[in-house]
Amino acid sequence: YEDSGEGIIITTHNKLAHYLGMLTHQVPIESKFLTGLVDHLNAEVVLGTVTNIKEVSKSAPPTILVSY
């Protein structure tokens, strides 16, 4: 695993302190992307962004495909 990364947090003002606290206390933030991967892929197919497995493997971040 990598030891650093970048991310964008989009939240409401009332949850801002929660996320800032996580960043300043260096609490790991786990992605929930894989739990909805099927839905994300279906949306990409419907939009026409991907039409086959080869396109999926090109467009998906490498860290997602490492575990497969």
Foldseek 3Di string as FASTA:
>chain_A
DDPDDDDDDDDDPVCVVVVVVCVVVVPDDDDPCVVCVVVVVVVCVVVVVDDDPVSVVVPDPPVVVPVD
